[in-house]
Amino acid sequence: MGSPEFEDRTGDPLAGHPSTLRPLTRDLIAAVLAHRAPAVTCDADGALVGRWAAGHIWFLRAGDAGELLQVRTVATHAFAVEEVPRLHEFCNTWNRDRYWPKAFVHVDDAGQARVCGEVITDLERGVTPHQLDRLLDRGISAGCLLADEVGRLVGTARP
């Protein structure tokens, strides 16, 4: 990513020595994500979002200073609200057996239930572009695995 010979690239979040910690910024996240194949765009609220496999993935900053990286996956498969107990069971099993992402159920205003996954990392002391790339890669791959597993639930309703 960054390299000492590119110190003069003013405004480039990837410029500079590769082992220098940088504050987590939206621009740094966008620059690291730009090296990945799928297009990442901004949603109506200005958040970075992309589509992978069977889910949409948001790349957010949280915390008082925006120091928390949040990679949130929303599986595209929607379920009827009657399926929520089964989805809770799925999420509980997932969370027991895996560390990433934390899985939970969200019911929207239209009464449709979706499984979401979330990975949060505290980067208060900063992050290198390489570290951020690895964190994003793990968040994306874990989110895709969750979304794929949710897809297997479709059509397997209990009698």
Protein backbone atom coordinates (compact mmCIF):
# COMPACT_ATOMS: atom_id res chain seq x y z
CA MET A 1 0.00 0.00 0.00
CA GLY A 2 1.94 3.06 1.20
CA SER A 3 5.62 3.44 0.50
CA PRO A 4 8.34 5.89 1.61
CA GLU A 5 8.97 7.00 -1.98
CA PHE A 6 5.43 8.37 -2.18
CA GLU A 7 5.64 10.75 0.79
CA ASP A 8 4.75 13.72 -1.45
CA ARG A 9 1.31 12.42 -2.57
CA THR A 10 -0.62 15.06 -0.69
CA GLY A 11 -4.14 14.01 0.20
CA ASP A 12 -3.61 10.32 -0.65
CA PRO A 13 -4.60 8.29 2.43
CA LEU A 14 -2.30 5.46 1.30
CA ALA A 15 0.81 7.64 0.93
CA GLY A 16 3.63 7.40 3.41
CA HIS A 17 5.64 4.69 5.09
CA PRO A 18 3.70 1.40 5.13
CA SER A 19 4.21 0.80 8.86
CA THR A 20 2.97 4.23 9.95
CA LEU A 21 -0.24 4.09 11.95
CA ARG A 22 -2.94 6.37 10.59
CA PRO A 23 -6.25 7.39 12.10
CA LEU A 24 -9.24 5.42 10.82
CA THR A 25 -10.99 7.66 8.30
CA ARG A 26 -13.68 7.13 5.71
CA ASP A 27 -11.14 8.09 3.03
CA LEU A 28 -8.66 5.47 4.24
CA ILE A 29 -11.36 2.78 4.26
CA ALA A 30 -12.47 3.82 0.74
CA ALA A 31 -8.87 3.81 -0.56
CA VAL A 32 -8.19 0.31 0.78
CA LEU A 33 -11.52 -0.98 -0.53
CA ALA A 34 -10.76 0.51 -3.97
CA HIS A 35 -8.16 -2.27 -4.44
CA ARG A 36 -10.90 -4.91 -4.25
CA ALA A 37 -12.86 -6.13 -7.30
CA PRO A 38 -16.48 -5.42 -6.32
CA ALA A 39 -17.54 -1.81 -6.52
CA VAL A 40 -18.12 -0.06 -3.22
CA THR A 41 -20.40 2.95 -3.36
CA CYS A 42 -21.92 5.43 -0.95
CA ASP A 43 -25.47 4.96 0.23
CA ALA A 44 -27.92 7.82 0.76
CA ASP A 45 -26.38 8.52 4.18
CA GLY A 46 -22.82 8.64 2.81
CA ALA A 47 -21.81 5.26 4.24
CA LEU A 48 -19.63 2.92 2.18
CA VAL A 49 -21.53 -0.17 1.02
CA GLY A 50 -20.80 -3.06 -1.33
CA ARG A 51 -22.46 -6.25 -2.48
CA TRP A 52 -20.75 -9.59 -2.00
CA ALA A 53 -22.26 -13.02 -2.53
CA ALA A 54 -25.64 -13.10 -0.80
CA GLY A 55 -25.31 -9.95 1.24
CA HIS A 56 -24.75 -6.24 1.37
CA ILE A 57 -21.82 -5.10 3.48
CA TRP A 58 -21.51 -1.67 5.08
CA PHE A 59 -18.18 -0.24 6.23
CA LEU A 60 -18.85 2.16 9.07
CA ARG A 61 -17.00 4.10 11.72
CA ALA A 62 -18.36 4.33 15.25
CA GLY A 63 -17.14 5.69 18.54
CA ASP A 64 -16.65 9.25 19.77
CA ALA A 65 -13.72 9.82 17.40
CA GLY A 66 -14.76 7.35 14.68
CA GLU A 67 -12.08 4.96 15.93
CA LEU A 68 -14.21 1.80 15.75
CA LEU A 69 -14.33 -0.05 12.44
CA GLN A 70 -17.70 -1.74 11.95
CA VAL A 71 -18.17 -4.18 9.07
CA ARG A 72 -21.88 -5.00 8.96
CA THR A 73 -23.40 -7.64 6.69
CA VAL A 74 -27.10 -7.85 5.91
CA ALA A 75 -28.10 -11.11 4.23
CA THR A 76 -30.28 -10.47 1.19
CA HIS A 77 -32.71 -13.28 2.03
CA ALA A 78 -35.78 -12.01 3.87
CA PHE A 79 -37.98 -14.16 6.07
CA ALA A 80 -41.51 -13.81 7.42
CA VAL A 81 -41.75 -12.58 10.98
CA GLU A 82 -43.05 -16.05 11.96
CA GLU A 83 -39.56 -17.39 11.18
CA VAL A 84 -37.87 -15.20 13.84
CA PRO A 85 -37.61 -18.00 16.46
CA ARG A 86 -35.86 -20.23 13.91
CA LEU A 87 -33.58 -17.35 12.93
CA HIS A 88 -32.74 -16.71 16.59
CA GLU A 89 -31.85 -20.38 16.96
CA PHE A 90 -29.63 -20.13 13.87
CA CYS A 91 -27.90 -16.99 15.23
CA ASN A 92 -27.40 -18.51 18.69
CA THR A 93 -25.78 -21.59 17.15
CA TRP A 94 -23.64 -19.41 14.87
CA ASN A 95 -22.47 -17.22 17.76
CA ARG A 96 -21.68 -20.26 19.89
CA ASP A 97 -19.59 -21.93 17.17
CA ARG A 98 -17.86 -18.90 15.58
CA TYR A 99 -16.20 -15.71 16.73
CA TRP A 100 -16.91 -13.61 13.62
CA PRO A 101 -19.25 -12.08 12.71
CA LYS A 102 -21.65 -11.66 15.59
CA ALA A 103 -25.02 -12.69 14.11
CA PHE A 104 -28.38 -11.22 15.02
CA VAL A 105 -31.91 -10.88 13.64
CA HIS A 106 -33.40 -7.57 12.53
CA VAL A 107 -37.10 -7.14 11.75
CA ASP A 108 -37.77 -4.11 9.56
CA ASP A 109 -40.82 -1.84 9.55
CA ALA A 110 -42.44 -3.97 6.83
CA GLY A 111 -42.30 -7.05 9.08
CA GLN A 112 -39.54 -8.83 7.19
CA ALA A 113 -36.79 -10.50 9.18
CA ARG A 114 -33.17 -10.58 8.05
CA VAL A 115 -30.05 -12.02 9.56
CA CYS A 116 -27.23 -9.53 10.03
CA GLY A 117 -23.60 -9.98 10.98
CA GLU A 118 -21.25 -7.52 12.57
CA VAL A 119 -17.52 -7.30 13.20
CA ILE A 120 -16.24 -4.39 15.28
CA THR A 121 -12.56 -3.55 15.80
CA ASP A 122 -11.19 -0.80 18.04
CA LEU A 123 -8.53 1.16 16.16
CA GLU A 124 -8.09 3.98 18.66
CA ARG A 125 -4.30 3.88 18.28
CA GLY A 126 -4.46 3.85 14.48
CA VAL A 127 -4.03 1.33 11.70
CA THR A 128 -1.73 0.75 8.75
CA PRO A 129 -3.29 0.30 5.30
CA HIS A 130 -2.09 -3.31 5.30
CA GLN A 131 -3.71 -4.01 8.68
CA LEU A 132 -6.92 -2.34 7.53
CA ASP A 133 -6.90 -4.42 4.34
CA ARG A 134 -6.62 -7.59 6.42
CA LEU A 135 -9.41 -6.51 8.78
CA LEU A 136 -11.69 -5.63 5.86
CA ASP A 137 -10.85 -8.92 4.14
CA ARG A 138 -11.76 -10.89 7.26
CA GLY A 139 -14.94 -8.89 7.80
CA ILE A 140 -15.99 -9.42 4.18
CA SER A 141 -15.16 -13.13 4.09
CA ALA A 142 -16.87 -13.83 7.44
CA GLY A 143 -19.91 -11.79 6.36
CA CYS A 144 -20.11 -13.69 3.08
CA LEU A 145 -19.94 -17.01 4.91
CA LEU A 146 -22.79 -15.93 7.19
CA ALA A 147 -24.89 -14.72 4.24
CA ASP A 148 -24.28 -18.01 2.40
CA GLU A 149 -25.39 -20.01 5.46
CA VAL A 150 -28.52 -17.86 5.75
CA GLY A 151 -29.22 -18.62 2.08
CA ARG A 152 -29.24 -22.33 2.94
CA LEU A 153 -32.07 -21.67 5.40
CA VAL A 154 -34.34 -20.50 2.58
CA GLY A 155 -36.83 -23.21 1.67
CA THR A 156 -36.06 -25.28 4.76
CA ALA A 157 -38.97 -24.06 6.87
CA ARG A 158 -40.08 -26.43 9.61
CA PRO A 159 -43.50 -28.07 9.26
